[in-house]
PDB file of N, CA and C in Angstrom:
ATOM      1  N   UNK A   1       0.540  -4.286  58.213  1.00  0.00           N
ATOM      2  CA  UNK A   1       0.066  -3.273  57.215  1.00  0.00           C
ATOM      3  C   UNK A   1       1.686  -3.125  56.285  1.00  0.00           C
ATOM      4  N   UNK A   2       1.635  -2.540  55.046  1.00  0.00           N
ATOM      5  CA  UNK A   2       2.950  -2.156  54.614  1.00  0.00           C
ATOM      6  C   UNK A   2       2.435  -0.796  53.922  1.00  0.00           C
ATOM      7  N   UNK A   3       3.717   0.207  53.557  1.00  0.00           N
ATOM      8  CA  UNK A   3       3.454   1.193  53.026  1.00  0.00           C
ATOM      9  C   UNK A   3       4.534   1.553  52.125  1.00  0.00           C
ATOM     10  N   UNK A   4       3.860   1.844  50.839  1.00  0.00           N
ATOM     11  CA  UNK A   4       4.951   1.837  49.727  1.00  0.00           C
ATOM     12  C   UNK A   4       4.509   3.074  49.045  1.00  0.00           C
ATOM     13  N   UNK A   5       5.348   3.001  47.854  1.00  0.00           N
ATOM     14  CA  UNK A   5       5.712   4.637  47.061  1.00  0.00           C
ATOM     15  C   UNK A   5       4.696   4.175  45.805  1.00  0.00           C
ATOM     16  N   UNK A   6       4.245   5.270  45.141  1.00  0.00           N
ATOM     17  CA  UNK A   6       3.360   5.239  43.656  1.00  0.00           C
ATOM     18  C   UNK A   6       3.433   6.554  43.045  1.00  0.00           C
ATOM     19  N   UNK A   7       4.122   6.401  42.021  1.00  0.00           N
ATOM     20  CA  UNK A   7       4.388   8.118  41.343  1.00  0.00           C
ATOM     21  C   UNK A   7       3.551   7.945  39.989  1.00  0.00           C
ATOM     22  N   UNK A   8       2.498   8.844  40.056  1.00  0.00           N
ATOM     23  CA  UNK A   8       1.337   9.340  39.092  1.00  0.00           C
ATOM     24  C   UNK A   8       1.204  10.775  38.813  1.00  0.00           C
ATOM     25  N   UNK A   9       1.175  11.043  37.731  1.00  0.00           N
ATOM     26  CA  UNK A   9       0.999  12.525  37.988  1.00  0.00           C
ATOM     27  C   UNK A   9       2.135  13.572  37.544  1.00  0.00           C
ATOM     28  N   UNK A  10       1.949  14.979  37.331  1.00  0.00           N
ATOM     29  CA  UNK A  10       1.004  15.745  37.529  1.00  0.00           C
ATOM     30  C   UNK A  10       0.025  15.407  36.278  1.00  0.00           C
ATOM     31  N   UNK A  11      -1.487  15.462  36.436  1.00  0.00           N
ATOM     32  CA  UNK A  11      -2.352  15.572  35.598  1.00  0.00           C
ATOM     33  C   UNK A  11      -2.563  17.114  34.958  1.00  0.00           C
ATOM     34  N   UNK A  12      -2.999  16.898  33.381  1.00  0.00           N
ATOM     35  CA  UNK A  12      -2.862  17.960  33.005  1.00  0.00           C
ATOM     36  C   UNK A  12      -4.354  19.021  33.445  1.00  0.00           C
ATOM     37  N   UNK A  13      -4.619  20.167  33.783  1.00  0.00           N
ATOM     38  CA  UNK A  13      -5.610  20.931  34.022  1.00  0.00           C
ATOM     39  C   UNK A  13      -6.537  21.143  33.022  1.00  0.00           C
ATOM     40  N   UNK A  14      -8.043  20.799  33.617  1.00  0.00           N
ATOM     41  CA  UNK A  14      -9.024  20.865  32.305  1.00  0.00           C
ATOM     42  C   UNK A  14      -9.103  22.152  31.833  1.00  0.00           C
ATOM     43  N   UNK A  15      -9.416  22.052  30.539  1.00  0.00           N
ATOM     44  CA  UNK A  15      -9.933  23.287  29.726  1.00  0.00           C
ATOM     45  C   UNK A  15     -11.511  23.842  30.518  1.00  0.00           C
ATOM     46  N   UNK A  16     -11.609  25.328  29.975  1.00  0.00           N
ATOM     47  CA  UNK A  16     -12.733  25.928  30.788  1.00  0.00           C
ATOM     48  C   UNK A  16     -13.783  25.476  30.536  1.00  0.00           C
ATOM     49  N   UNK A  17     -14.170  24.661  29.448  1.00  0.00           N
ATOM     50  CA  UNK A  17     -15.406  24.418  29.220  1.00  0.00           C
ATOM     51  C   UNK A  17     -15.928  22.619  30.228  1.00  0.00           C
ATOM     52  N   UNK A  18     -14.929  22.268  30.231  1.00  0.00           N
ATOM     53  CA  UNK A  18     -14.797  20.815  31.108  1.00  0.00           C
ATOM     54  C   UNK A  18     -14.927  21.102  32.594  1.00  0.00           C
ATOM     55  N   UNK A  19     -14.260  22.211  32.942  1.00  0.00           N
ATOM     56  CA  UNK A  19     -14.156  22.666  34.216  1.00  0.00           C
ATOM     57  C   UNK A  19     -15.751  23.064  34.512  1.00  0.00           C
ATOM     58  N   UNK A  20     -16.264  23.934  33.512  1.00  0.00           N
ATOM     59  CA  UNK A  20     -17.687  24.454  33.678  1.00  0.00           C
ATOM     60  C   UNK A  20     -18.673  23.253  33.815  1.00  0.00           C
ATOM     61  N   UNK A  21     -18.226  22.157  33.129  1.00  0.00           N
ATOM     62  CA  UNK A  21     -19.147  20.810  32.959  1.00  0.00           C
ATOM     63  C   UNK A  21     -19.141  20.481  34.455  1.00  0.00           C
ATOM     64  N   UNK A  22     -17.816  20.252  35.211  1.00  0.00           N
ATOM     65  CA  UNK A  22     -17.548  19.554  36.038  1.00  0.00           C
ATOM     66  C   UNK A  22     -18.096  20.274  37.306  1.00  0.00           C
ATOM     67  N   UNK A  23     -18.052  21.612  37.482  1.00  0.00           N
ATOM     68  CA  UNK A  23     -18.582  22.401  38.775  1.00  0.00           C
ATOM     69  C   UNK A  23     -20.330  22.299  38.660  1.00  0.00           C
ATOM     70  N   UNK A  24     -20.863  22.189  37.475  1.00  0.00           N
ATOM     71  CA  UNK A  24     -22.217  22.080  37.124  1.00  0.00           C
ATOM     72  C   UNK A  24     -22.889  20.773  37.752  1.00  0.00           C
ATOM     73  N   UNK A  25     -21.960  19.532  37.502  1.00  0.00           N
ATOM     74  CA  UNK A  25     -22.095  18.215  37.822  1.00  0.00           C
ATOM     75  C   UNK A  25     -21.959  18.290  39.354  1.00  0.00           C
ATOM     76  N   UNK A  26     -21.030  18.960  39.993  1.00  0.00           N
ATOM     77  CA  UNK A  26     -20.872  18.682  41.525  1.00  0.00           C
ATOM     78  C   UNK A  26     -22.003  19.473  42.003  1.00  0.00           C
ATOM     79  N   UNK A  27     -22.925  20.408  41.419  1.00  0.00           N
ATOM     80  CA  UNK A  27     -24.311  20.867  42.254  1.00  0.00           C
ATOM     81  C   UNK A  27     -24.986  19.502  42.552  1.00  0.00           C
ATOM     82  N   UNK A  28     -25.104  18.701  41.727  1.00  0.00           N
ATOM     83  CA  UNK A  28     -25.900  17.521  42.082  1.00  0.00           C
ATOM     84  C   UNK A  28     -25.215  16.447  42.139  1.00  0.00           C
ATOM     85  N   UNK A  29     -23.993  16.109  42.016  1.00  0.00           N
ATOM     86  CA  UNK A  29     -23.205  14.914  42.446  1.00  0.00           C
ATOM     87  C   UNK A  29     -22.020  15.347  43.362  1.00  0.00           C
ATOM     88  N   UNK A  30     -21.902  15.092  44.623  1.00  0.00           N
ATOM     89  CA  UNK A  30     -21.211  15.948  45.508  1.00  0.00           C
ATOM     90  C   UNK A  30     -19.756  15.489  45.325  1.00  0.00           C
ATOM     91  N   UNK A  31     -18.754  16.449  45.241  1.00  0.00           N
ATOM     92  CA  UNK A  31     -17.476  15.963  45.197  1.00  0.00           C
ATOM     93  C   UNK A  31     -16.563  14.858  45.965  1.00  0.00           C
ATOM     94  N   UNK A  32     -16.094  13.948  45.524  1.00  0.00           N
ATOM     95  CA  UNK A  32     -15.228  13.089  46.256  1.00  0.00           C
ATOM     96  C   UNK A  32     -14.231  13.356  47.466  1.00  0.00           C
ATOM     97  N   UNK A  33     -13.687  14.194  46.935  1.00  0.00           N
ATOM     98  CA  UNK A  33     -12.277  15.018  47.725  1.00  0.00           C
ATOM     99  C   UNK A  33     -12.714  16.479  47.747  1.00  0.00           C
ATOM    100  N   UNK A  34     -13.538  17.298  48.358  1.00  0.00           N
ATOM    101  CA  UNK A  34     -13.740  18.820  48.158  1.00  0.00           C
ATOM    102  C   UNK A  34     -12.524  19.404  48.618  1.00  0.00           C
ATOM    103  N   UNK A  35     -11.844  19.086  49.843  1.00  0.00           N
ATOM    104  CA  UNK A  35     -10.819  19.497  50.714  1.00  0.00           C
ATOM    105  C   UNK A  35      -9.570  20.003  49.812  1.00  0.00           C
ATOM    106  N   UNK A  36      -9.637  18.965  48.764  1.00  0.00           N
ATOM    107  CA  UNK A  36      -8.164  18.565  48.010  1.00  0.00           C
ATOM    108  C   UNK A  36      -8.002  18.323  46.776  1.00  0.00           C
ATOM    109  N   UNK A  37      -9.344  18.678  46.172  1.00  0.00           N
ATOM    110  CA  UNK A  37      -9.500  18.637  44.799  1.00  0.00           C
ATOM    111  C   UNK A  37      -8.179  19.199  44.104  1.00  0.00           C
ATOM    112  N   UNK A  38      -7.811  20.424  44.133  1.00  0.00           N
ATOM    113  CA  UNK A  38      -6.887  21.216  43.567  1.00  0.00           C
ATOM    114  C   UNK A  38      -5.491  20.579  43.746  1.00  0.00           C
ATOM    115  N   UNK A  39      -5.538  20.260  45.013  1.00  0.00           N
ATOM    116  CA  UNK A  39      -4.221  19.398  45.166  1.00  0.00           C
ATOM    117  C   UNK A  39      -3.770  18.367  44.712  1.00  0.00           C
ATOM    118  N   UNK A  40      -4.980  17.563  44.287  1.00  0.00           N
ATOM    119  CA  UNK A  40      -4.588  16.303  43.767  1.00  0.00           C
ATOM    120  C   UNK A  40      -3.948  16.598  41.850  1.00  0.00           C
ATOM    121  N   UNK A  41      -4.397  17.780  41.718  1.00  0.00           N
ATOM    122  CA  UNK A  41      -3.659  18.269  40.407  1.00  0.00           C
ATOM    123  C   UNK A  41      -1.812  18.591  40.351  1.00  0.00           C
ATOM    124  N   UNK A  42      -1.558  18.608  41.857  1.00  0.00           N
ATOM    125  CA  UNK A  42      -0.074  19.101  41.923  1.00  0.00           C
ATOM    126  C   UNK A  42       0.806  17.547  42.091  1.00  0.00           C
ATOM    127  N   UNK A  43      -0.120  16.587  42.576  1.00  0.00           N
ATOM    128  CA  UNK A  43       0.403  15.686  43.182  1.00  0.00           C
ATOM    129  C   UNK A  43       1.064  14.763  42.216  1.00  0.00           C
ATOM    130  N   UNK A  44       2.471  14.269  42.667  1.00  0.00           N
ATOM    131  CA  UNK A  44       3.471  13.494  41.896  1.00  0.00           C
ATOM    132  C   UNK A  44       3.811  12.213  42.181  1.00  0.00           C
ATOM    133  N   UNK A  45       3.493  12.082  43.542  1.00  0.00           N
ATOM    134  CA  UNK A  45       4.104  10.911  44.549  1.00  0.00           C
ATOM    135  C   UNK A  45       3.094  10.851  45.399  1.00  0.00           C
ATOM    136  N   UNK A  46       2.860   9.366  45.753  1.00  0.00           N
ATOM    137  CA  UNK A  46       1.759   8.939  46.548  1.00  0.00           C
ATOM    138  C   UNK A  46       2.620   7.966  47.470  1.00  0.00           C
ATOM    139  N   UNK A  47       2.104   8.148  49.029  1.00  0.00           N
ATOM    140  CA  UNK A  47       2.671   7.037  49.619  1.00  0.00           C
ATOM    141  C   UNK A  47       1.389   6.116  50.042  1.00  0.00           C
ATOM    142  N   UNK A  48       1.389   4.784  49.867  1.00  0.00           N
ATOM    143  CA  UNK A  48       0.338   4.381  50.090  1.00  0.00           C
ATOM    144  C   UNK A  48      -0.032   3.304  51.147  1.00  0.00           C
ATOM    145  N   UNK A  49      -0.443   3.010  52.005  1.00  0.00           N
ATOM    146  CA  UNK A  49      -1.061   2.451  53.337  1.00  0.00           C
ATOM    147  C   UNK A  49      -1.831   1.109  52.648  1.00  0.00           C
ATOM    148  N   UNK A  50      -1.214  -0.263  52.704  1.00  0.00           N
ATOM    149  CA  UNK A  50      -1.557  -1.496  52.114  1.00  0.00           C
ATOM    150  C   UNK A  50      -1.680  -2.523  53.088  1.00  0.00           C
ATOM    151  N   UNK A  51      -3.272  -2.575  53.093  1.00  0.00           N
ATOM    152  CA  UNK A  51      -3.770  -3.639  54.373  1.00  0.00           C
ATOM    153  C   UNK A  51      -3.265  -5.232  53.915  1.00  0.00           C
ATOM    154  N   UNK A  52      -3.479  -6.434  54.567  1.00  0.00           N
ATOM    155  CA  UNK A  52      -3.233  -7.721  54.494  1.00  0.00           C
ATOM    156  C   UNK A  52      -3.562  -8.166  53.115  1.00  0.00           C
ATOM    157  N   UNK A  53      -4.703  -7.479  52.766  1.00  0.00           N
ATOM    158  CA  UNK A  53      -6.038  -8.149  51.675  1.00  0.00           C
ATOM    159  C   UNK A  53      -5.308  -7.350  50.133  1.00  0.00           C
ATOM    160  N   UNK A  54      -4.283  -6.461  50.540  1.00  0.00           N
ATOM    161  CA  UNK A  54      -3.904  -5.413  49.256  1.00  0.00           C
ATOM    162  C   UNK A  54      -4.823  -4.381  48.753  1.00  0.00           C
ATOM    163  N   UNK A  55      -5.696  -3.953  49.895  1.00  0.00           N
ATOM    164  CA  UNK A  55      -6.444  -2.753  49.710  1.00  0.00           C
ATOM    165  C   UNK A  55      -5.594  -1.484  50.407  1.00  0.00           C
ATOM    166  N   UNK A  56      -5.751  -0.041  49.664  1.00  0.00           N
ATOM    167  CA  UNK A  56      -5.216   1.103  50.241  1.00  0.00           C
ATOM    168  C   UNK A  56      -5.951   1.301  51.451  1.00  0.00           C
ATOM    169  N   UNK A  57      -5.576   1.631  52.623  1.00  0.00           N
ATOM    170  CA  UNK A  57      -6.319   1.847  53.692  1.00  0.00           C
ATOM    171  C   UNK A  57      -6.120   3.490  53.551  1.00  0.00           C
ATOM    172  N   UNK A  58      -4.920   3.925  53.743  1.00  0.00           N
ATOM    173  CA  UNK A  58      -4.445   5.441  53.805  1.00  0.00           C
ATOM    174  C   UNK A  58      -3.809   5.654  52.357  1.00  0.00           C
ATOM    175  N   UNK A  59      -3.925   7.168  51.944  1.00  0.00           N
ATOM    176  CA  UNK A  59      -3.039   7.717  51.112  1.00  0.00           C
ATOM    177  C   UNK A  59      -2.334   8.963  51.273  1.00  0.00           C
ATOM    178  N   UNK A  60      -1.316   9.440  51.050  1.00  0.00           N
ATOM    179  CA  UNK A  60      -0.559  10.656  51.145  1.00  0.00           C
ATOM    180  C   UNK A  60      -0.114  11.176  49.726  1.00  0.00           C
ATOM    181  N   UNK A  61      -0.694  12.251  49.108  1.00  0.00           N
ATOM    182  CA  UNK A  61      -0.322  12.908  48.095  1.00  0.00           C
ATOM    183  C   UNK A  61       0.904  14.042  48.263  1.00  0.00           C
ATOM    184  N   UNK A  62       2.065  13.967  47.474  1.00  0.00           N
ATOM    185  CA  UNK A  62       3.058  14.782  47.503  1.00  0.00           C
ATOM    186  C   UNK A  62       3.176  15.450  46.062  1.00  0.00           C
ATOM    187  N   UNK A  63       3.521  16.574  46.125  1.00  0.00           N
ATOM    188  CA  UNK A  63       4.066  17.554  45.258  1.00  0.00           C
ATOM    189  C   UNK A  63       5.250  17.453  44.304  1.00  0.00           C
ATOM    190  N   UNK A  64       5.820  18.075  43.621  1.00  0.00           N
ATOM    191  CA  UNK A  64       7.080  17.684  42.840  1.00  0.00           C
ATOM    192  C   UNK A  64       7.964  18.411  43.995  1.00  0.00           C
ATOM    193  N   UNK A  65       7.924  19.277  44.780  1.00  0.00           N
ATOM    194  CA  UNK A  65       8.727  19.746  45.944  1.00  0.00           C
ATOM    195  C   UNK A  65       8.887  18.919  47.185  1.00  0.00           C
ATOM    196  N   UNK A  66       8.039  17.957  47.243  1.00  0.00           N
ATOM    197  CA  UNK A  66       8.184  16.873  48.671  1.00  0.00           C
ATOM    198  C   UNK A  66       6.946  17.361  49.561  1.00  0.00           C
ATOM    199  N   UNK A  67       6.329  18.154  49.239  1.00  0.00           N
ATOM    200  CA  UNK A  67       5.674  18.735  50.193  1.00  0.00           C
ATOM    201  C   UNK A  67       4.153  17.753  50.132  1.00  0.00           C
ATOM    202  N   UNK A  68       3.613  17.653  51.555  1.00  0.00           N
ATOM    203  CA  UNK A  68       2.413  17.020  51.548  1.00  0.00           C
ATOM    204  C   UNK A  68       1.244  17.896  50.852  1.00  0.00           C
ATOM    205  N   UNK A  69       0.475  17.281  49.939  1.00  0.00           N
ATOM    206  CA  UNK A  69      -0.452  18.078  49.533  1.00  0.00           C
ATOM    207  C   UNK A  69      -1.870  17.755  49.837  1.00  0.00           C
ATOM    208  N   UNK A  70      -2.279  16.250  50.241  1.00  0.00           N
ATOM    209  CA  UNK A  70      -3.458  16.094  50.241  1.00  0.00           C
ATOM    210  C   UNK A  70      -3.323  14.624  50.915  1.00  0.00           C
ATOM    211  N   UNK A  71      -4.265  13.869  51.644  1.00  0.00           N
ATOM    212  CA  UNK A  71      -4.426  12.930  52.467  1.00  0.00           C
ATOM    213  C   UNK A  71      -5.763  12.588  52.498  1.00  0.00           C
ATOM    214  N   UNK A  72      -5.682  10.849  52.561  1.00  0.00           N
ATOM    215  CA  UNK A  72      -7.309  10.554  52.181  1.00  0.00           C
ATOM    216  C   UNK A  72      -7.143   8.970  53.025  1.00  0.00           C
ATOM    217  N   UNK A  73      -8.338   8.487  53.486  1.00  0.00           N
ATOM    218  CA  UNK A  73      -9.742   9.263  53.585  1.00  0.00           C
ATOM    219  C   UNK A  73      -9.510  10.075  54.796  1.00  0.00           C
ATOM    220  N   UNK A  74     -10.102  11.448  54.651  1.00  0.00           N
ATOM    221  CA  UNK A  74      -9.747  12.232  55.902  1.00  0.00           C
ATOM    222  C   UNK A  74     -11.148  13.485  55.455  1.00  0.00           C
ATOM    223  N   UNK A  75     -12.140  13.159  57.067  1.00  0.00           N
ATOM    224  CA  UNK A  75     -13.255  13.986  56.661  1.00  0.00           C
ATOM    225  C   UNK A  75     -13.914  13.737  55.645  1.00  0.00           C
ATOM    226  N   UNK A  76     -14.545  14.963  54.769  1.00  0.00           N
ATOM    227  CA  UNK A  76     -15.391  14.514  53.304  1.00  0.00           C
ATOM    228  C   UNK A  76     -14.722  13.865  52.452  1.00  0.00           C
ATOM    229  N   UNK A  77     -13.362  13.470  52.534  1.00  0.00           N
ATOM    230  CA  UNK A  77     -12.487  13.399  51.569  1.00  0.00           C
ATOM    231  C   UNK A  77     -12.249  11.716  51.317  1.00  0.00           C
ATOM    232  N   UNK A  78     -12.526  11.006  50.070  1.00  0.00           N
ATOM    233  CA  UNK A  78     -12.523   9.930  50.404  1.00  0.00           C
ATOM    234  C   UNK A  78     -11.432   9.412  49.910  1.00  0.00           C
ATOM    235  N   UNK A  79     -10.633  10.001  49.133  1.00  0.00           N
ATOM    236  CA  UNK A  79      -8.980  10.017  48.871  1.00  0.00           C
ATOM    237  C   UNK A  79      -9.347   9.164  46.968  1.00  0.00           C
ATOM    238  N   UNK A  80      -7.770   9.278  46.531  1.00  0.00           N
ATOM    239  CA  UNK A  80      -8.000   8.759  45.264  1.00  0.00           C
ATOM    240  C   UNK A  80      -8.001   7.180  44.963  1.00  0.00           C
ATOM    241  N   UNK A  81      -7.144   6.857  45.771  1.00  0.00           N
ATOM    242  CA  UNK A  81      -6.845   5.227  45.723  1.00  0.00           C
ATOM    243  C   UNK A  81      -7.390   4.388  46.852  1.00  0.00           C
ATOM    244  N   UNK A  82      -7.940   5.210  47.897  1.00  0.00           N
ATOM    245  CA  UNK A  82      -8.635   4.469  48.992  1.00  0.00           C
ATOM    246  C   UNK A  82     -10.014   4.121  48.626  1.00  0.00           C
ATOM    247  N   UNK A  83     -10.508   5.018  47.357  1.00  0.00           N
ATOM    248  CA  UNK A  83     -11.777   4.618  46.937  1.00  0.00           C
ATOM    249  C   UNK A  83     -11.986   3.330  45.926  1.00  0.00           C
ATOM    250  N   UNK A  84     -10.921   2.935  45.528  1.00  0.00           N
ATOM    251  CA  UNK A  84     -11.232   1.892  44.744  1.00  0.00           C
ATOM    252  C   UNK A  84     -10.849   0.406  45.191  1.00  0.00           C
ATOM    253  N   UNK A  85     -11.078  -0.765  44.349  1.00  0.00           N
ATOM    254  CA  UNK A  85     -10.761  -2.176  45.017  1.00  0.00           C
ATOM    255  C   UNK A  85      -9.320  -2.347  44.688  1.00  0.00           C
ATOM    256  N   UNK A  86      -8.422  -2.497  45.852  1.00  0.00           N
ATOM    257  CA  UNK A  86      -7.224  -3.079  45.607  1.00  0.00           C
ATOM    258  C   UNK A  86      -6.298  -1.992  45.598  1.00  0.00           C
ATOM    259  N   UNK A  87      -4.924  -1.785  45.023  1.00  0.00           N
ATOM    260  CA  UNK A  87      -4.098  -1.164  45.134  1.00  0.00           C
ATOM    261  C   UNK A  87      -3.604  -1.027  43.887  1.00  0.00           C
ATOM    262  N   UNK A  88      -3.303   0.257  43.111  1.00  0.00           N
ATOM    263  CA  UNK A  88      -2.744   0.559  41.758  1.00  0.00           C
ATOM    264  C   UNK A  88      -1.603  -0.287  41.910  1.00  0.00           C
ATOM    265  N   UNK A  89      -1.446  -0.643  40.515  1.00  0.00           N
ATOM    266  CA  UNK A  89      -0.326  -1.421  39.972  1.00  0.00           C
ATOM    267  C   UNK A  89       1.309  -0.282  39.790  1.00  0.00           C
ATOM    268  N   UNK A  90       2.397  -0.971  39.983  1.00  0.00           N
ATOM    269  CA  UNK A  90       3.583  -0.274  39.902  1.00  0.00           C
ATOM    270  C   UNK A  90       3.903   0.572  41.038  1.00  0.00           C
ATOM    271  N   UNK A  91       3.714  -0.112  42.366  1.00  0.00           N
ATOM    272  CA  UNK A  91       3.981   0.525  43.221  1.00  0.00           C
ATOM    273  C   UNK A  91       5.582   0.202  43.795  1.00  0.00           C
ATOM    274  N   UNK A  92       6.259   0.564  44.675  1.00  0.00           N
ATOM    275  CA  UNK A  92       7.525   0.293  44.800  1.00  0.00           C
ATOM    276  C   UNK A  92       8.295   0.784  46.133  1.00  0.00           C
ATOM    277  N   UNK A  93       9.370   0.464  46.459  1.00  0.00           N
ATOM    278  CA  UNK A  93       9.998   0.672  47.657  1.00  0.00           C
ATOM    279  C   UNK A  93       8.887   0.387  48.911  1.00  0.00           C
ATOM    280  N   UNK A  94       9.785   1.049  49.948  1.00  0.00           N
ATOM    281  CA  UNK A  94       8.891   0.706  51.322  1.00  0.00           C
ATOM    282  C   UNK A  94       9.139   2.150  52.071  1.00  0.00           C
ATOM    283  N   UNK A  95       8.114   2.645  52.785  1.00  0.00           N
ATOM    284  CA  UNK A  95       7.874   3.771  53.590  1.00  0.00           C
ATOM    285  C   UNK A  95       7.957   3.325  54.803  1.00  0.00           C
ATOM    286  N   UNK A  96       8.766   3.871  55.925  1.00  0.00           N
ATOM    287  CA  UNK A  96       8.603   3.596  57.262  1.00  0.00           C
ATOM    288  C   UNK A  96       7.241   4.233  57.931  1.00  0.00           C
ATOM    289  N   UNK A  97       6.887   3.103  58.751  1.00  0.00           N
ATOM    290  CA  UNK A  97       5.392   3.583  59.247  1.00  0.00           C
ATOM    291  C   UNK A  97       5.780   4.690  60.019  1.00  0.00           C
ATOM    292  N   UNK A  98       6.780   5.092  60.818  1.00  0.00           N
ATOM    293  CA  UNK A  98       6.956   6.505  61.457  1.00  0.00           C
ATOM    294  C   UNK A  98       7.026   7.431  60.819  1.00  0.00           C
ATOM    295  N   UNK A  99       7.438   7.220  59.587  1.00  0.00           N
ATOM    296  CA  UNK A  99       7.315   8.489  58.482  1.00  0.00           C
ATOM    297  C   UNK A  99       6.034   8.718  57.855  1.00  0.00           C
ATOM    298  N   UNK A 100       5.620   7.788  57.835  1.00  0.00           N
ATOM    299  CA  UNK A 100       4.092   7.980  57.327  1.00  0.00           C
ATOM    300  C   UNK A 100       3.386   8.456  57.872  1.00  0.00           C
ATOM    301  N   UNK A 101       3.121   7.658  59.179  1.00  0.00           N
ATOM    302  CA  UNK A 101       2.207   8.729  60.508  1.00  0.00           C
ATOM    303  C   UNK A 101       2.719  10.206  60.747  1.00  0.00           C
ATOM    304  N   UNK A 102       4.052  10.512  60.394  1.00  0.00           N
ATOM    305  CA  UNK A 102       4.302  11.648  60.547  1.00  0.00           C
ATOM    306  C   UNK A 102       4.080  12.796  59.590  1.00  0.00           C
ATOM    307  N   UNK A 103       3.950  12.074  58.273  1.00  0.00           N
ATOM    308  CA  UNK A 103       3.400  13.198  56.998  1.00  0.00           C
ATOM    309  C   UNK A 103       2.007  13.373  57.357  1.00  0.00           C
ATOM    310  N   UNK A 104       1.178  11.887  57.814  1.00  0.00           N
ATOM    311  CA  UNK A 104      -0.292  12.038  57.655  1.00  0.00           C
ATOM    312  C   UNK A 104      -0.389  13.075  58.890  1.00  0.00           C
ATOM    313  N   UNK A 105       0.078  13.172  59.838  1.00  0.00           N
ATOM    314  CA  UNK A 105      -0.175  14.183  61.059  1.00  0.00           C
ATOM    315  C   UNK A 105      -0.099  15.426  60.549  1.00  0.00           C
ATOM    316  N   UNK A 106       0.830  15.831  59.706  1.00  0.00           N
ATOM    317  CA  UNK A 106       1.313  17.050  59.263  1.00  0.00           C
ATOM    318  C   UNK A 106       0.522  18.100  58.496  1.00  0.00           C
ATOM    319  N   UNK A 107      -0.783  17.015  57.843  1.00  0.00           N
ATOM    320  CA  UNK A 107      -2.090  17.617  57.455  1.00  0.00           C
ATOM    321  C   UNK A 107      -3.039  17.506  58.184  1.00  0.00           C
ATOM    322  N   UNK A 108      -3.349  16.158  58.662  1.00  0.00           N
ATOM    323  CA  UNK A 108      -4.569  15.846  59.584  1.00  0.00           C
ATOM    324  C   UNK A 108      -4.780  16.794  61.072  1.00  0.00           C
ATOM    325  N   UNK A 109      -3.567  16.560  61.722  1.00  0.00           N
ATOM    326  CA  UNK A 109      -3.844  17.620  62.977  1.00  0.00           C
ATOM    327  C   UNK A 109      -3.934  19.067  62.600  1.00  0.00           C
ATOM    328  N   UNK A 110      -3.642  19.562  61.581  1.00  0.00           N
ATOM    329  CA  UNK A 110      -3.653  21.437  61.057  1.00  0.00           C
ATOM    330  C   UNK A 110      -5.000  21.220  60.642  1.00  0.00           C
ATOM    331  N   UNK A 111      -5.888  20.211  60.434  1.00  0.00           N
ATOM    332  CA  UNK A 111      -7.432  20.445  59.655  1.00  0.00           C
ATOM    333  C   UNK A 111      -8.308  19.797  60.624  1.00  0.00           C
ATOM    334  N   UNK A 112      -8.172  19.274  61.993  1.00  0.00           N
ATOM    335  CA  UNK A 112      -9.165  18.942  62.758  1.00  0.00           C
ATOM    336  C   UNK A 112     -10.004  20.088  63.419  1.00  0.00           C
TER     337      UNK A 112
END
């Protein structure tokens, strides 16, 4: 396993009409990340755990202040990048495996 960094976001907040449509659709189609949906709008940096095949196993999202705001997959949350084939382009750097696990546990242990 390797652990890398990916910068993306924050994403703009949807307008009232689009939020209404999304809320209506989630009655029929369940949300992919129900516990962290709002947090993803704040995420600007991601730590990704990449396996030997180049796929993302786990992800940790950080806000602009460096706080962990989401992890995935976790519970009912599939994650943003673990739900796609492969790994996003533009990753860089290296994250120590112990630091990755500590950041993961800071959310996971509080929600179990």
